[in-house]
Amino acid sequence: MTVDPRLLAILVCPVTRTPLRYDARRQELVSEAAGLAFPVRDGVPILLVEEARPWTPEEEAPPPDEAPTPARP
């Protein structure tokens, strides 16, 4: 399930009032400014700080099974 792009265009982080980015793989709206990831349940964003989890930029790396394979010489 995805978040409607029109909805995403108007949603902001409840802490920093900055735009949110949708992470489809984790079904979360990410506030990079606040370092929080808000869950999306059944297509509904849950923008409660109590429901958010801490987020770090290191999470952007693909999981090991999705990491690109280095080219062989």
C-alpha atoms as a PDB file:
ATOM      1  CA  MET A   1       0.000   0.000   0.000  1.00  0.00           C
ATOM      2  CA  THR A   2       1.245   3.489  -0.776  1.00  0.00           C
ATOM      3  CA  VAL A   3       0.530   6.989   0.437  1.00  0.00           C
ATOM      4  CA  ASP A   4      -1.433   9.205  -1.936  1.00  0.00           C
ATOM      5  CA  PRO A   5       1.070  11.667  -3.482  1.00  0.00           C
ATOM      6  CA  ARG A   6      -1.399  14.545  -2.966  1.00  0.00           C
ATOM      7  CA  LEU A   7      -1.561  13.732   0.740  1.00  0.00           C
ATOM      8  CA  LEU A   8       2.210  13.402   0.981  1.00  0.00           C
ATOM      9  CA  ALA A   9       2.592  16.847  -0.603  1.00  0.00           C
ATOM     10  CA  ILE A  10       0.746  18.510   2.298  1.00  0.00           C
ATOM     11  CA  LEU A  11       1.901  16.403   5.247  1.00  0.00           C
ATOM     12  CA  VAL A  12       4.649  17.753   7.481  1.00  0.00           C
ATOM     13  CA  CYS A  13       6.488  16.450  10.509  1.00  0.00           C
ATOM     14  CA  PRO A  14       4.532  17.316  13.669  1.00  0.00           C
ATOM     15  CA  VAL A  15       7.793  18.143  15.457  1.00  0.00           C
ATOM     16  CA  THR A  16       9.755  20.230  12.936  1.00  0.00           C
ATOM     17  CA  ARG A  17       7.054  21.172  10.386  1.00  0.00           C
ATOM     18  CA  THR A  18       9.369  20.004   7.591  1.00  0.00           C
ATOM     19  CA  PRO A  19       8.304  17.755   4.662  1.00  0.00           C
ATOM     20  CA  LEU A  20       8.140  13.995   5.137  1.00  0.00           C
ATOM     21  CA  ARG A  21       9.544  11.342   2.805  1.00  0.00           C
ATOM     22  CA  TYR A  22       7.738   8.044   2.224  1.00  0.00           C
ATOM     23  CA  ASP A  23       9.746   4.850   2.699  1.00  0.00           C
ATOM     24  CA  ALA A  24       7.689   2.213   0.856  1.00  0.00           C
ATOM     25  CA  ARG A  25       9.895  -0.674   1.955  1.00  0.00           C
ATOM     26  CA  ARG A  26       9.256   0.046   5.633  1.00  0.00           C
ATOM     27  CA  GLN A  27       5.803   1.620   5.231  1.00  0.00           C
ATOM     28  CA  GLU A  28       6.895   4.756   7.104  1.00  0.00           C
ATOM     29  CA  LEU A  29       6.990   8.509   6.693  1.00  0.00           C
ATOM     30  CA  VAL A  30      10.482   9.728   7.529  1.00  0.00           C
ATOM     31  CA  SER A  31      11.345  13.082   9.034  1.00  0.00           C
ATOM     32  CA  GLU A  32      15.065  13.455   8.444  1.00  0.00           C
ATOM     33  CA  ALA A  33      15.069  16.764  10.343  1.00  0.00           C
ATOM     34  CA  ALA A  34      13.598  15.199  13.505  1.00  0.00           C
ATOM     35  CA  GLY A  35      15.256  11.805  13.106  1.00  0.00           C
ATOM     36  CA  LEU A  36      11.888  10.062  13.365  1.00  0.00           C
ATOM     37  CA  ALA A  37       9.982   7.518  11.283  1.00  0.00           C
ATOM     38  CA  PHE A  38       6.191   7.542  11.540  1.00  0.00           C
ATOM     39  CA  PRO A  39       4.266   4.351  10.700  1.00  0.00           C
ATOM     40  CA  VAL A  40       1.686   4.103   7.926  1.00  0.00           C
ATOM     41  CA  ARG A  41      -1.021   1.585   8.823  1.00  0.00           C
ATOM     42  CA  ASP A  42      -3.545   0.516   6.191  1.00  0.00           C
ATOM     43  CA  GLY A  43      -2.617   3.596   4.164  1.00  0.00           C
ATOM     44  CA  VAL A  44      -3.184   5.965   7.104  1.00  0.00           C
ATOM     45  CA  PRO A  45      -0.170   7.981   8.356  1.00  0.00           C
ATOM     46  CA  ILE A  46       0.130   7.881  12.150  1.00  0.00           C
ATOM     47  CA  LEU A  47       1.778  11.224  12.933  1.00  0.00           C
ATOM     48  CA  LEU A  48       1.942  10.831  16.693  1.00  0.00           C
ATOM     49  CA  VAL A  49       5.385  11.302  18.228  1.00  0.00           C
ATOM     50  CA  GLU A  50       4.556   8.497  20.673  1.00  0.00           C
ATOM     51  CA  GLU A  51       4.128   6.100  17.727  1.00  0.00           C
ATOM     52  CA  ALA A  52       7.297   7.177  15.876  1.00  0.00           C
ATOM     53  CA  ARG A  53      10.577   5.342  16.124  1.00  0.00           C
ATOM     54  CA  PRO A  54      14.074   6.836  16.017  1.00  0.00           C
ATOM     55  CA  TRP A  55      15.519   7.055  12.500  1.00  0.00           C
ATOM     56  CA  THR A  56      19.124   7.501  11.356  1.00  0.00           C
ATOM     57  CA  PRO A  57      20.567   8.190   7.883  1.00  0.00           C
ATOM     58  CA  GLU A  58      22.476   4.891   8.048  1.00  0.00           C
ATOM     59  CA  GLU A  59      19.144   3.126   7.522  1.00  0.00           C
ATOM     60  CA  GLU A  60      19.171   4.297   3.904  1.00  0.00           C
ATOM     61  CA  ALA A  61      21.716   1.625   2.937  1.00  0.00           C
ATOM     62  CA  PRO A  62      20.044  -1.320   1.207  1.00  0.00           C
ATOM     63  CA  PRO A  63      19.844  -4.565   3.179  1.00  0.00           C
ATOM     64  CA  PRO A  64      22.677  -7.044   2.474  1.00  0.00           C
ATOM     65  CA  ASP A  65      20.528  -9.149   0.125  1.00  0.00           C
ATOM     66  CA  GLU A  66      19.732  -6.035  -1.956  1.00  0.00           C
ATOM     67  CA  ALA A  67      23.248  -4.575  -1.973  1.00  0.00           C
ATOM     68  CA  PRO A  68      24.792  -4.295  -5.448  1.00  0.00           C
ATOM     69  CA  THR A  69      27.373  -6.916  -6.331  1.00  0.00           C
ATOM     70  CA  PRO A  70      30.832  -5.476  -7.057  1.00  0.00           C
ATOM     71  CA  ALA A  71      32.048  -5.878 -10.622  1.00  0.00           C
ATOM     72  CA  ARG A  72      34.828  -8.389 -11.228  1.00  0.00           C
ATOM     73  CA  PRO A  73      37.928  -7.267 -13.099  1.00  0.00           C
END
